[in-house]
Amino acid sequence: MSKKNKLRIIPLGGLGEVGKNMMAYEFGGDIIVVDAGIMFPRNDMLGVDYIIPDYEYLKKRADRVLGIFITHGHEDHIGAIQHVIADIPAPIHATPLTRGLIEGKLLRNNSKHNAQIKTIQAGESNKLGPFTIEYFHVSHSIPDAVGLGITTPAGLVIHMSDFKFDHTPVDSWPTDFAKLAEFSTRGVDLLLSDSTNAERPGWTPSESLIGPAFDKVFAEAKGRVIVATFASLISRVQQVADAAAKHGRKMTFAGPSMVDNVKIARRMKYLDIPDELIVPIDQALQMQDHKVAIMCTGSQGEPSSIVGRLSAGTNRQFDLKPNDTVVLSSHPIPGNEETVSKTINRLLRRGAKVVDDSVAPIHVSGHAAQEEQKLLINLVRPKHFMPIHGELRMLKRHAELAKQMGIDEKNIVVVENGQIVELVGNKVQLGERIPGDYIFVTGESIGDIDHDVMRERSQLARNGILIIDISVDKLTGRLLQDPEIITRGFVSPEDAEELLPEVQKRVMNVVHDGKLDDEKDIVNAVKSYLHQETKRRPMVFVTLSKS
């Protein structure tokens, strides 16, 4: 088979981490993109709002991108869409709810774009250039999720995205097993499958198990019930609404993303919540506590979220009360466990009762566990397998499962972001590497912060900073006045009183001994002394003025 019949699979995000999922498929110069998500920053990524994929490869070929296909409406799949379409104005294809959530996101972000958004439905297909894309429904923790069957002259690829095999989902719409079996009869050349729960044995529990758990929480709560979850977890909103109605509570929503997403889902009939059940937040705050349920964001303990601010006592609209029950209805994202634990401790310290999934089954994963992943491989019977969506250990574990299911090891490919994979002839091979790094977003700044800045911030956070301001005579090189020393985050004021005069002396010695060639001489002398005395290495800066 000639190079003209080569399909290039280009992972731009989601392979090597949990989040910022983005994949490109290139054939004969034409490109389609699947998903454009964000990733939440780790604890050591100080000052970062979120992270988006490095899609420079696509920006350079923007005129060749035929379409952007979004599998579902979670942030790790749509969160970067406003950035992507600003650089790549290709048509967006999404199911009705996903489209509504994308439009809401673009509106909230005042995104100015000319991108066309096209509605697709599970069961439909369309053709773009050499790509024929078939959409099939998958069960996940949000309605209207789809997987993609992508046919090119190089073969049939199944992009499974996030899924679980839930036979009793909240929306009564299970994964389309028949379509997966039909793909199998055609011959699947490559299966790409979600690896998030590849280390978790057994089956992921059904969403329907959550209803009784919420029923118990509402029955036992003496005051307000505050439920925190992702703003896009629409099925969870329905379950909380059902519990609120059963226990005679009115329901309200806090936070712009939660409010907007609920409006969109209700308008599009994905939520069945009667008007009389919902009250504005201002009205809810005036009601008796045992008659109120509040849904908000912050289940990951994000400091800027409502639950994060409630735990710190800095939420302006309302504060915690002693009888409040706070329900964190999500699993901590890998790497975020410490932040969630700190938030829970602060909530408890402020008198709230906290219910998370270690206390009651108020959350189940939306991702397939090992037995479901094995069943998918059995259903599809792919010739080649590529695990996606997960940290490297998850991808490797998923590859081991595929090997157990009879796929030849040489037909399994495990890669991380930036490593291009090629489907050509009857084999999968590695192509070249392209950049696949993190792009940090802070406020209006996109990509201006790199790993070096992150390292400096981390060092500042660990060891603090010392600033030395000196003025010397430009003719004699003598000090015009005693050095001024400022320190932050390094030592306590009491220790500083003892330490800084000694630092000052060493600075003066360097200058008076004629050893001052440049600021580095002072920095080296001070750093050496500070490490000798404290065994710490603060960042030392010198400002030198001559007059």
Protein backbone atom coordinates (compact mmCIF):
# COMPACT_ATOMS: atom_id res chain seq x y z
CA MET A 1 0.00 0.00 0.00
CA SER A 2 1.42 3.39 -0.95
CA LYS A 3 2.04 6.28 1.37
CA LYS A 4 -1.06 7.87 -0.09
CA ASN A 5 -3.07 5.26 1.83
CA LYS A 6 -1.55 6.12 5.19
CA LEU A 7 -3.71 7.29 8.11
CA ARG A 8 -1.79 9.36 10.65
CA ILE A 9 -3.17 9.35 14.22
CA ILE A 10 -1.85 12.39 16.11
CA PRO A 11 -2.36 12.47 19.90
CA LEU A 12 -2.29 16.09 21.09
CA GLY A 13 -3.71 15.55 24.58
CA GLY A 14 -4.99 12.89 26.96
CA LEU A 15 -2.22 10.34 26.45
CA GLY A 16 0.05 10.47 29.47
CA GLU A 17 -2.37 12.41 31.66
CA VAL A 18 -6.02 12.53 32.70
CA GLY A 19 -7.60 15.46 30.88
CA LYS A 20 -7.13 17.81 27.91
CA ASN A 21 -8.21 15.10 25.46
CA MET A 22 -7.53 15.90 21.82
CA MET A 23 -6.76 13.65 18.86
CA ALA A 24 -6.21 14.42 15.18
CA TYR A 25 -6.56 12.08 12.21
CA GLU A 26 -4.74 12.96 8.98
CA PHE A 27 -5.13 11.28 5.62
CA GLY A 28 -3.67 12.58 2.37
CA GLY A 29 -3.27 16.06 3.84
CA ASP A 30 -6.86 16.28 5.11
CA ILE A 31 -7.40 16.41 8.89
CA ILE A 32 -10.24 15.88 11.34
CA VAL A 33 -9.97 16.60 15.06
CA VAL A 34 -11.70 14.72 17.88
CA ASP A 35 -12.31 16.69 21.11
CA ALA A 36 -10.60 19.78 22.53
CA GLY A 37 -10.45 19.53 26.31
CA ILE A 38 -8.71 21.11 29.27
CA MET A 39 -6.80 19.66 32.20
CA PHE A 40 -6.96 20.98 35.75
CA PRO A 41 -3.56 22.09 37.11
CA ARG A 42 -1.68 19.95 39.62
CA ASN A 43 -0.86 21.29 43.07
CA ASP A 44 2.62 22.35 41.97
CA MET A 45 1.33 24.38 39.00
CA LEU A 46 0.98 27.59 40.95
CA GLY A 47 -1.09 30.41 39.45
CA VAL A 48 -2.36 28.32 36.51
CA ASP A 49 -6.10 28.37 35.79
CA TYR A 50 -6.09 25.37 33.45
CA ILE A 51 -4.04 23.62 30.78
CA ILE A 52 -4.86 23.12 27.11
CA PRO A 53 -3.23 20.87 24.48
CA ASP A 54 -0.34 22.05 22.34
CA TYR A 55 -2.07 22.13 18.95
CA GLU A 56 0.61 24.06 17.05
CA TYR A 57 0.68 21.22 14.50
CA LEU A 58 -2.94 21.99 13.63
CA LYS A 59 -2.51 25.78 13.64
CA LYS A 60 0.09 25.45 10.90
CA ARG A 61 -2.40 23.37 8.87
CA ALA A 62 -5.62 25.14 9.85
CA ASP A 63 -6.83 25.35 6.25
CA ARG A 64 -6.64 21.54 5.98
CA VAL A 65 -8.80 20.80 9.04
CA LEU A 66 -12.17 19.63 7.70
CA GLY A 67 -14.01 19.40 11.01
CA ILE A 68 -13.83 19.19 14.80
CA PHE A 69 -15.85 16.34 16.33
CA ILE A 70 -16.79 16.55 20.01
CA THR A 71 -17.75 13.26 21.66
CA HIS A 72 -19.50 14.72 24.75
CA GLY A 73 -19.86 17.83 26.89
CA HIS A 74 -17.38 17.33 29.74
CA GLU A 75 -14.68 19.96 30.28
CA ASP A 76 -11.86 17.56 29.51
CA HIS A 77 -13.37 17.27 26.01
CA ILE A 78 -14.81 20.75 25.29
CA GLY A 79 -12.93 23.06 27.68
CA ALA A 80 -10.39 24.32 25.12
CA ILE A 81 -12.84 24.78 22.26
CA GLN A 82 -12.84 28.61 22.40
CA HIS A 83 -9.05 28.65 22.02
CA VAL A 84 -9.00 26.06 19.25
CA ILE A 85 -11.62 27.66 17.03
CA ALA A 86 -9.94 31.06 17.37
CA ASP A 87 -6.99 29.52 15.50
CA ILE A 88 -8.75 26.78 13.52
CA PRO A 89 -12.16 27.97 12.25
CA ALA A 90 -13.34 24.53 11.13
CA PRO A 91 -16.96 23.37 11.55
CA ILE A 92 -17.74 21.81 14.93
CA HIS A 93 -19.85 18.62 14.96
CA ALA A 94 -21.66 17.73 18.19
CA THR A 95 -24.81 16.05 19.48
CA PRO A 96 -27.64 18.39 20.63
CA LEU A 97 -26.74 18.60 24.34
CA THR A 98 -23.02 18.82 23.63
CA ARG A 99 -23.71 21.58 21.13
CA GLY A 100 -25.77 23.46 23.69
CA LEU A 101 -23.00 23.21 26.29
CA ILE A 102 -20.41 24.39 23.77
CA GLU A 103 -22.55 27.38 22.79
CA GLY A 104 -23.05 28.23 26.47
CA LYS A 105 -19.29 28.05 27.07
CA LEU A 106 -18.53 30.28 24.10
CA LEU A 107 -21.12 32.80 25.28
CA ARG A 108 -19.72 32.85 28.86
CA ASN A 109 -16.22 33.40 27.50
CA ASN A 110 -17.35 36.14 25.09
CA SER A 111 -15.69 34.13 22.36
CA LYS A 112 -15.73 35.91 19.00
CA HIS A 113 -15.59 33.27 16.31
CA ASN A 114 -17.01 32.43 12.91
CA ALA A 115 -17.06 28.68 13.47
CA GLN A 116 -20.11 26.82 12.29
CA ILE A 117 -21.60 24.33 14.76
CA LYS A 118 -23.43 21.40 13.21
CA THR A 119 -25.78 19.09 15.09
CA ILE A 120 -25.18 15.37 14.76
CA GLN A 121 -27.18 12.43 16.14
CA ALA A 122 -26.13 8.98 17.27
CA GLY A 123 -26.89 6.59 14.42
CA GLU A 124 -26.06 9.12 11.71
CA SER A 125 -22.95 9.37 9.55
CA ASN A 126 -21.40 11.90 7.23
CA LYS A 127 -18.50 12.14 4.81
CA LEU A 128 -15.76 14.76 4.89
CA GLY A 129 -13.07 14.36 2.26
CA PRO A 130 -11.56 10.87 2.68
CA PHE A 131 -13.24 10.40 6.09
CA THR A 132 -16.57 8.72 6.67
CA ILE A 133 -17.59 9.31 10.30
CA GLU A 134 -20.31 7.21 11.95
CA TYR A 135 -21.68 8.26 15.36
CA PHE A 136 -22.85 5.66 17.86
CA HIS A 137 -24.22 6.24 21.34
CA VAL A 138 -22.14 5.35 24.40
CA SER A 139 -23.24 5.42 28.01
CA HIS A 140 -21.24 7.85 30.14
CA SER A 141 -21.94 10.19 33.06
CA ILE A 142 -23.47 12.79 30.75
CA PRO A 143 -26.25 12.32 28.17
CA ASP A 144 -25.68 12.46 24.44
CA ALA A 145 -22.17 10.97 24.44
CA VAL A 146 -20.96 9.26 21.27
CA GLY A 147 -18.09 7.19 19.97
CA LEU A 148 -16.88 7.48 16.39
CA GLY A 149 -16.35 4.95 13.64
CA ILE A 150 -13.87 6.55 11.22
CA THR A 151 -13.46 4.91 7.82
CA THR A 152 -10.67 5.92 5.42
CA PRO A 153 -8.96 4.08 2.53
CA ALA A 154 -6.43 2.94 5.17
CA GLY A 155 -9.09 1.11 7.17
CA LEU A 156 -11.75 1.39 9.88
CA VAL A 157 -10.81 3.00 13.18
CA ILE A 158 -13.05 3.08 16.27
CA HIS A 159 -12.51 6.07 18.55
CA MET A 160 -14.31 4.97 21.70
CA SER A 161 -13.68 8.07 23.85
CA ASP A 162 -15.16 7.93 27.39
CA PHE A 163 -17.65 5.12 27.97
CA LYS A 164 -19.05 2.55 30.37
CA PHE A 165 -21.34 -0.42 29.84
CA ASP A 166 -24.18 0.71 32.10
CA HIS A 167 -27.28 -1.41 31.48
CA THR A 168 -29.48 0.83 33.66
CA PRO A 169 -28.30 4.39 32.97
CA VAL A 170 -30.24 7.36 34.34
CA ASP A 171 -31.27 8.42 30.83
CA SER A 172 -32.29 4.81 29.91
CA TRP A 173 -30.00 4.92 26.87
CA PRO A 174 -27.27 2.23 27.12
CA THR A 175 -24.23 1.90 24.87
CA ASP A 176 -25.03 0.76 21.33
CA PHE A 177 -23.76 -2.83 21.48
CA ALA A 178 -25.35 -3.67 18.13
CA LYS A 179 -23.32 -1.02 16.32
CA LEU A 180 -20.10 -2.21 17.93
CA ALA A 181 -20.89 -5.77 16.81
CA GLU A 182 -21.68 -4.53 13.30
CA PHE A 183 -18.29 -2.78 13.13
CA SER A 184 -16.73 -6.10 14.08
CA THR A 185 -18.33 -7.87 11.11
CA ARG A 186 -16.75 -5.29 8.80
CA GLY A 187 -13.30 -5.72 10.33
CA VAL A 188 -11.90 -3.10 12.70
CA ASP A 189 -8.32 -2.18 11.84
CA LEU A 190 -7.64 -0.13 15.00
CA LEU A 191 -9.48 0.41 18.28
CA LEU A 192 -8.69 3.43 20.46
CA SER A 193 -10.22 3.01 23.91
CA ASP A 194 -10.54 4.98 27.17
CA SER A 195 -8.00 3.85 29.80
CA THR A 196 -9.07 5.94 32.81
CA ASN A 197 -10.15 2.92 34.87
CA ALA A 198 -7.75 0.36 33.38
CA GLU A 199 -6.32 -0.32 36.84
CA ARG A 200 -9.74 -0.91 38.39
CA PRO A 201 -10.91 -4.57 38.35
CA GLY A 202 -14.48 -5.67 37.80
CA TRP A 203 -17.32 -3.55 36.46
CA THR A 204 -18.10 0.12 37.05
CA PRO A 205 -21.35 0.37 39.04
CA SER A 206 -24.47 1.72 37.36
CA GLU A 207 -25.51 5.35 37.74
CA SER A 208 -28.85 4.06 39.02
CA LEU A 209 -27.19 3.05 42.33
CA ILE A 210 -26.73 6.70 43.23
CA GLY A 211 -30.44 7.45 43.63
CA PRO A 212 -30.91 5.49 46.90
CA ALA A 213 -27.71 7.02 48.34
CA PHE A 214 -28.99 10.55 47.73
CA ASP A 215 -32.36 9.52 49.16
CA LYS A 216 -30.61 8.51 52.40
CA VAL A 217 -28.52 11.72 52.55
CA PHE A 218 -31.62 13.91 52.10
CA ALA A 219 -33.59 11.90 54.66
CA GLU A 220 -30.90 12.34 57.33
CA ALA A 221 -29.91 15.95 56.65
CA LYS A 222 -31.03 18.37 59.35
CA GLY A 223 -30.12 21.57 57.52
CA ARG A 224 -29.34 22.53 53.96
CA VAL A 225 -27.98 19.99 51.51
CA ILE A 226 -25.18 21.43 49.34
CA VAL A 227 -24.24 19.12 46.48
CA ALA A 228 -21.01 19.84 44.63
CA THR A 229 -20.25 18.21 41.31
CA PHE A 230 -19.03 19.11 37.83
CA ALA A 231 -21.25 21.64 36.09
CA SER A 232 -21.51 19.31 33.08
CA LEU A 233 -22.62 16.24 35.07
CA ILE A 234 -26.21 16.56 33.91
CA SER A 235 -27.36 13.12 35.06
CA ARG A 236 -26.32 13.97 38.63
CA VAL A 237 -28.46 17.11 38.54
CA GLN A 238 -31.49 14.96 37.70
CA GLN A 239 -30.78 12.59 40.58
CA VAL A 240 -30.45 15.46 43.07
CA ALA A 241 -33.67 17.01 41.73
CA ASP A 242 -35.52 13.72 42.23
CA ALA A 243 -34.26 13.47 45.83
CA ALA A 244 -35.14 17.11 46.55
CA ALA A 245 -38.68 16.64 45.24
CA LYS A 246 -39.18 13.46 47.28
CA HIS A 247 -38.07 15.12 50.52
CA GLY A 248 -39.95 18.38 50.11
CA ARG A 249 -36.97 20.60 49.36
CA LYS A 250 -36.69 23.38 46.82
CA MET A 251 -33.68 23.29 44.56
CA THR A 252 -31.36 26.13 43.58
CA PHE A 253 -28.13 26.46 41.62
CA ALA A 254 -25.03 28.49 42.40
CA GLY A 255 -22.22 29.39 40.02
CA PRO A 256 -22.56 30.67 36.43
CA SER A 257 -21.48 27.46 34.69
CA MET A 258 -23.88 25.33 36.76
CA VAL A 259 -26.77 27.76 36.23
CA ASP A 260 -26.15 28.00 32.47
CA ASN A 261 -25.74 24.26 31.91
CA VAL A 262 -28.94 23.44 33.81
CA LYS A 263 -30.86 26.03 31.76
CA ILE A 264 -29.53 24.51 28.53
CA ALA A 265 -30.27 20.92 29.58
CA ARG A 266 -33.80 21.79 30.75
CA ARG A 267 -34.57 23.74 27.59
CA MET A 268 -33.41 20.78 25.48
CA LYS A 269 -35.43 18.29 27.60
CA TYR A 270 -32.38 16.43 28.92
CA LEU A 271 -33.48 17.34 32.44
CA ASP A 272 -37.00 16.70 33.71
CA ILE A 273 -37.31 19.20 36.56
CA PRO A 274 -40.65 20.97 37.14
CA ASP A 275 -40.55 24.78 37.34
CA GLU A 276 -42.01 24.81 40.85
CA LEU A 277 -39.08 22.79 42.22
CA ILE A 278 -36.49 25.44 41.31
CA VAL A 279 -36.11 28.78 43.13
CA PRO A 280 -33.55 31.57 42.66
CA ILE A 281 -30.55 31.43 44.97
CA ASP A 282 -31.54 34.66 46.78
CA GLN A 283 -34.95 33.20 47.62
CA ALA A 284 -33.45 29.86 48.72
CA LEU A 285 -31.15 31.63 51.17
CA GLN A 286 -34.19 33.14 52.90
CA MET A 287 -35.98 29.81 53.29
CA GLN A 288 -35.85 27.37 56.18
CA ASP A 289 -32.69 25.30 55.94
CA HIS A 290 -34.41 21.91 55.89
CA LYS A 291 -36.38 22.96 52.81
CA VAL A 292 -33.38 23.82 50.61
CA ALA A 293 -30.96 21.92 48.36
CA ILE A 294 -28.15 23.83 46.64
CA MET A 295 -26.17 22.50 43.68
CA CYS A 296 -22.83 24.09 42.90
CA THR A 297 -19.32 23.45 41.57
CA GLY A 298 -16.22 22.64 43.57
CA SER A 299 -16.18 18.87 44.09
CA GLN A 300 -12.45 18.94 43.29
CA GLY A 301 -11.75 21.52 46.00
CA GLU A 302 -10.72 24.21 43.50
CA PRO A 303 -9.94 27.36 45.56
CA SER A 304 -11.96 29.62 43.25
CA SER A 305 -15.04 27.34 43.25
CA ILE A 306 -18.02 27.82 45.54
CA VAL A 307 -17.16 24.84 47.77
CA GLY A 308 -13.53 25.95 47.86
CA ARG A 309 -14.61 29.41 49.01
CA LEU A 310 -17.13 27.99 51.48
CA SER A 311 -14.40 25.90 53.07
CA ALA A 312 -12.22 28.99 53.44
CA GLY A 313 -15.06 31.25 54.61
CA THR A 314 -14.63 33.60 51.64
CA ASN A 315 -17.82 32.91 49.64
CA ARG A 316 -19.65 36.22 49.29
CA GLN A 317 -23.17 35.11 48.42
CA PHE A 318 -23.66 32.70 51.32
CA ASP A 319 -21.67 30.99 54.06
CA LEU A 320 -21.73 27.59 55.70
CA LYS A 321 -24.06 26.87 58.61
CA PRO A 322 -23.40 24.29 61.36
CA ASN A 323 -26.13 21.86 60.20
CA ASP A 324 -25.22 21.98 56.50
CA THR A 325 -24.53 18.69 54.74
CA VAL A 326 -21.99 19.08 51.93
CA VAL A 327 -21.99 16.27 49.35
CA LEU A 328 -18.92 15.96 47.09
CA SER A 329 -20.31 13.96 44.21
CA SER A 330 -17.20 13.06 42.22
CA HIS A 331 -13.95 11.11 42.48
CA PRO A 332 -10.81 13.22 42.96
CA ILE A 333 -9.03 13.65 39.63
CA PRO A 334 -5.64 11.86 39.79
CA GLY A 335 -3.14 14.27 41.31
CA ASN A 336 -5.90 16.27 43.01
CA GLU A 337 -6.41 14.05 46.05
CA GLU A 338 -4.50 16.35 48.43
CA THR A 339 -6.55 19.41 47.45
CA VAL A 340 -9.82 17.53 47.98
CA SER A 341 -8.66 16.22 51.39
CA LYS A 342 -7.70 19.73 52.52
CA THR A 343 -11.09 21.06 51.42
CA ILE A 344 -12.93 18.31 53.32
CA ASN A 345 -10.93 19.06 56.47
CA ARG A 346 -11.72 22.78 56.23
CA LEU A 347 -15.42 22.07 55.71
CA LEU A 348 -15.48 19.81 58.77
CA ARG A 349 -13.60 22.40 60.81
CA ARG A 350 -16.28 24.95 59.93
CA GLY A 351 -19.02 22.66 61.25
CA ALA A 352 -20.42 21.05 58.11
CA LYS A 353 -21.18 17.37 57.69
CA VAL A 354 -19.30 16.11 54.64
CA VAL A 355 -20.38 13.14 52.50
CA ASP A 356 -18.04 11.90 49.78
CA ASP A 357 -17.80 8.56 48.02
CA SER A 358 -15.82 7.06 50.92
CA VAL A 359 -18.87 7.63 53.15
CA ALA A 360 -21.75 6.76 50.79
CA PRO A 361 -22.13 5.73 47.12
CA ILE A 362 -23.03 9.28 45.99
CA HIS A 363 -20.78 9.01 42.92
CA VAL A 364 -19.86 6.32 40.45
CA SER A 365 -17.32 6.62 37.70
CA GLY A 366 -18.40 7.25 34.13
CA HIS A 367 -15.53 5.16 32.81
CA ALA A 368 -15.28 1.47 32.03
CA ALA A 369 -13.41 -0.80 34.44
CA GLN A 370 -11.39 -3.82 33.36
CA GLU A 371 -14.24 -6.25 32.62
CA GLU A 372 -16.01 -3.68 30.43
CA GLN A 373 -12.77 -2.89 28.61
CA LYS A 374 -12.30 -6.60 27.94
CA LEU A 375 -15.90 -6.93 26.74
CA LEU A 376 -15.37 -4.05 24.31
CA ILE A 377 -12.31 -5.76 22.83
CA ASN A 378 -14.28 -9.00 22.52
CA LEU A 379 -17.17 -7.19 20.80
CA VAL A 380 -15.02 -5.26 18.35
CA ARG A 381 -12.24 -7.81 17.71
CA PRO A 382 -9.78 -5.19 16.43
CA LYS A 383 -6.62 -6.08 14.51
CA HIS A 384 -4.69 -3.37 16.35
CA PHE A 385 -5.18 -1.64 19.68
CA MET A 386 -4.18 1.77 21.06
CA PRO A 387 -5.09 2.79 24.62
CA ILE A 388 -6.01 6.48 25.07
CA HIS A 389 -7.14 8.81 27.87
CA GLY A 390 -4.97 8.18 30.91
CA GLU A 391 -1.62 8.43 32.60
CA LEU A 392 1.11 6.16 31.24
CA ARG A 393 0.53 3.52 33.94
CA MET A 394 -3.16 3.35 32.89
CA LEU A 395 -2.26 3.07 29.20
CA LYS A 396 0.23 0.28 29.95
CA ARG A 397 -2.31 -1.61 32.08
CA HIS A 398 -4.91 -1.32 29.33
CA ALA A 399 -2.38 -2.66 26.83
CA GLU A 400 -1.81 -5.68 29.11
CA LEU A 401 -5.57 -6.34 29.14
CA ALA A 402 -5.64 -6.23 25.34
CA LYS A 403 -2.79 -8.74 25.23
CA GLN A 404 -4.74 -11.02 27.61
CA MET A 405 -7.67 -10.79 25.20
CA GLY A 406 -5.59 -12.28 22.39
CA ILE A 407 -4.31 -9.21 20.55
CA ASP A 408 -0.73 -9.81 19.43
CA GLU A 409 1.74 -7.65 21.36
CA LYS A 410 3.23 -6.31 18.12
CA ASN A 411 -0.24 -5.00 17.18
CA ILE A 412 -0.60 -2.98 20.41
CA VAL A 413 0.87 0.52 20.47
CA VAL A 414 1.28 2.62 23.63
CA VAL A 415 2.30 6.23 23.05
CA GLU A 416 2.11 9.59 24.78
CA ASN A 417 1.20 13.03 23.45
CA GLY A 418 3.11 14.08 20.34
CA GLN A 419 4.04 10.59 19.13
CA ILE A 420 2.35 10.11 15.76
CA VAL A 421 1.03 6.62 14.96
CA GLU A 422 0.47 5.49 11.37
CA LEU A 423 -2.00 2.94 10.08
CA VAL A 424 -0.67 1.73 6.75
CA GLY A 425 -1.11 -1.57 4.95
CA ASN A 426 -2.01 -4.15 7.55
CA LYS A 427 0.13 -2.73 10.33
CA VAL A 428 0.47 0.08 12.81
CA GLN A 429 3.82 1.85 13.05
CA LEU A 430 5.31 4.87 14.79
CA GLY A 431 5.76 8.09 12.83
CA GLU A 432 7.67 11.20 13.84
CA ARG A 433 7.32 13.06 17.13
CA ILE A 434 5.80 16.53 17.34
CA PRO A 435 5.47 18.85 20.37
CA GLY A 436 2.87 17.55 22.81
CA ASP A 437 3.51 19.73 25.82
CA TYR A 438 1.28 21.60 28.27
CA ILE A 439 0.02 25.06 27.33
CA PHE A 440 -0.70 26.95 30.55
CA VAL A 441 -3.63 29.39 30.68
CA THR A 442 -3.62 32.12 33.32
CA GLY A 443 -6.31 34.79 32.96
CA GLU A 444 -5.92 36.23 29.47
CA SER A 445 -2.41 34.80 29.13
CA ILE A 446 -2.14 31.68 26.95
CA GLY A 447 1.19 29.91 26.64
CA ASP A 448 3.23 32.80 28.08
CA ILE A 449 4.19 30.66 31.08
CA ASP A 450 6.48 27.67 30.54
CA HIS A 451 7.99 24.93 32.68
CA ASP A 452 10.92 27.16 33.67
CA VAL A 453 8.49 29.69 35.16
CA MET A 454 6.67 26.83 36.92
CA ARG A 455 9.97 25.65 38.43
CA GLU A 456 10.75 29.18 39.63
CA ARG A 457 7.30 29.51 41.20
CA SER A 458 7.73 26.15 42.88
CA GLN A 459 11.14 27.16 44.23
CA LEU A 460 9.73 30.47 45.50
CA ALA A 461 6.90 28.60 47.22
CA ARG A 462 9.29 26.13 48.87
CA ASN A 463 12.15 28.38 49.93
CA GLY A 464 11.07 32.02 49.64
CA ILE A 465 12.95 35.02 48.26
CA LEU A 466 15.65 37.44 49.42
CA ILE A 467 16.17 40.80 47.66
CA ILE A 468 19.31 42.87 48.25
CA ASP A 469 19.37 46.50 47.15
CA ILE A 470 22.79 48.20 47.08
CA SER A 471 24.05 51.58 45.84
CA VAL A 472 27.76 52.18 45.09
CA ASP A 473 29.86 55.11 43.98
CA LYS A 474 30.64 54.55 40.31
CA LEU A 475 34.12 56.07 40.67
CA THR A 476 35.33 54.48 43.90
CA GLY A 477 33.12 51.41 44.01
CA ARG A 478 32.36 52.12 47.66
CA LEU A 479 28.92 51.72 49.22
CA LEU A 480 26.90 54.91 49.42
CA GLN A 481 24.68 53.46 52.16
CA ASP A 482 24.11 50.19 53.99
CA PRO A 483 22.54 47.46 51.84
CA GLU A 484 18.77 47.11 52.16
CA ILE A 485 17.57 43.52 52.49
CA ILE A 486 13.96 42.36 52.01
CA THR A 487 12.81 38.77 52.48
CA ARG A 488 9.49 37.05 51.93
CA GLY A 489 8.52 33.45 52.64
CA PHE A 490 12.00 32.50 53.85
CA VAL A 491 12.31 32.93 57.62
CA SER A 492 10.15 34.27 60.45
CA PRO A 493 10.58 37.93 61.55
CA GLU A 494 12.35 36.73 64.71
CA ASP A 495 14.90 34.67 62.76
CA ALA A 496 15.30 37.48 60.25
CA GLU A 497 16.43 39.85 63.01
CA GLU A 498 19.34 37.50 63.71
CA LEU A 499 20.12 36.37 60.17
CA LEU A 500 19.82 39.52 58.03
CA PRO A 501 22.48 41.63 59.80
CA GLU A 502 24.96 38.83 59.05
CA VAL A 503 23.84 38.79 55.41
CA GLN A 504 24.33 42.56 55.31
CA LYS A 505 27.88 42.19 56.64
CA ARG A 506 28.80 39.66 53.96
CA VAL A 507 27.44 41.91 51.24
CA MET A 508 29.50 44.82 52.56
CA ASN A 509 32.62 42.62 52.74
CA VAL A 510 32.28 41.61 49.09
CA VAL A 511 32.00 45.25 48.05
CA HIS A 512 34.73 46.63 50.30
CA ASP A 513 37.19 43.84 49.46
CA GLY A 514 36.95 44.82 45.83
CA LYS A 515 35.53 41.41 44.85
CA LEU A 516 32.43 42.85 43.19
CA ASP A 517 32.64 42.17 39.47
CA ASP A 518 28.89 41.84 39.09
CA GLU A 519 25.78 40.94 41.09
CA LYS A 520 26.58 37.22 40.89
CA ASP A 521 29.44 37.67 43.38
CA ILE A 522 27.00 38.90 46.02
CA VAL A 523 24.41 36.23 45.12
CA ASN A 524 26.97 33.43 45.47
CA ALA A 525 28.32 34.73 48.79
CA VAL A 526 24.82 35.17 50.27
CA LYS A 527 23.52 31.82 49.03
CA SER A 528 26.53 30.02 50.47
CA TYR A 529 26.06 31.67 53.88
CA LEU A 530 22.28 31.06 53.98
CA HIS A 531 22.64 27.38 53.10
CA GLN A 532 25.36 27.00 55.73
CA GLU A 533 23.09 28.53 58.39
CA THR A 534 19.63 27.26 57.39
CA LYS A 535 20.21 24.36 54.94
CA ARG A 536 17.74 26.14 52.62
CA ARG A 537 18.19 27.77 49.24
CA PRO A 538 15.96 30.81 48.80
CA MET A 539 16.02 32.69 45.52
CA VAL A 540 18.41 35.64 45.92
CA PHE A 541 18.17 38.75 43.74
CA VAL A 542 20.44 41.79 43.78
CA THR A 543 19.62 45.25 42.46
CA LEU A 544 22.79 47.29 41.98
CA SER A 545 22.75 51.00 41.24
CA LYS A 546 25.80 53.18 40.58
CA SER A 547 25.86 56.95 40.96
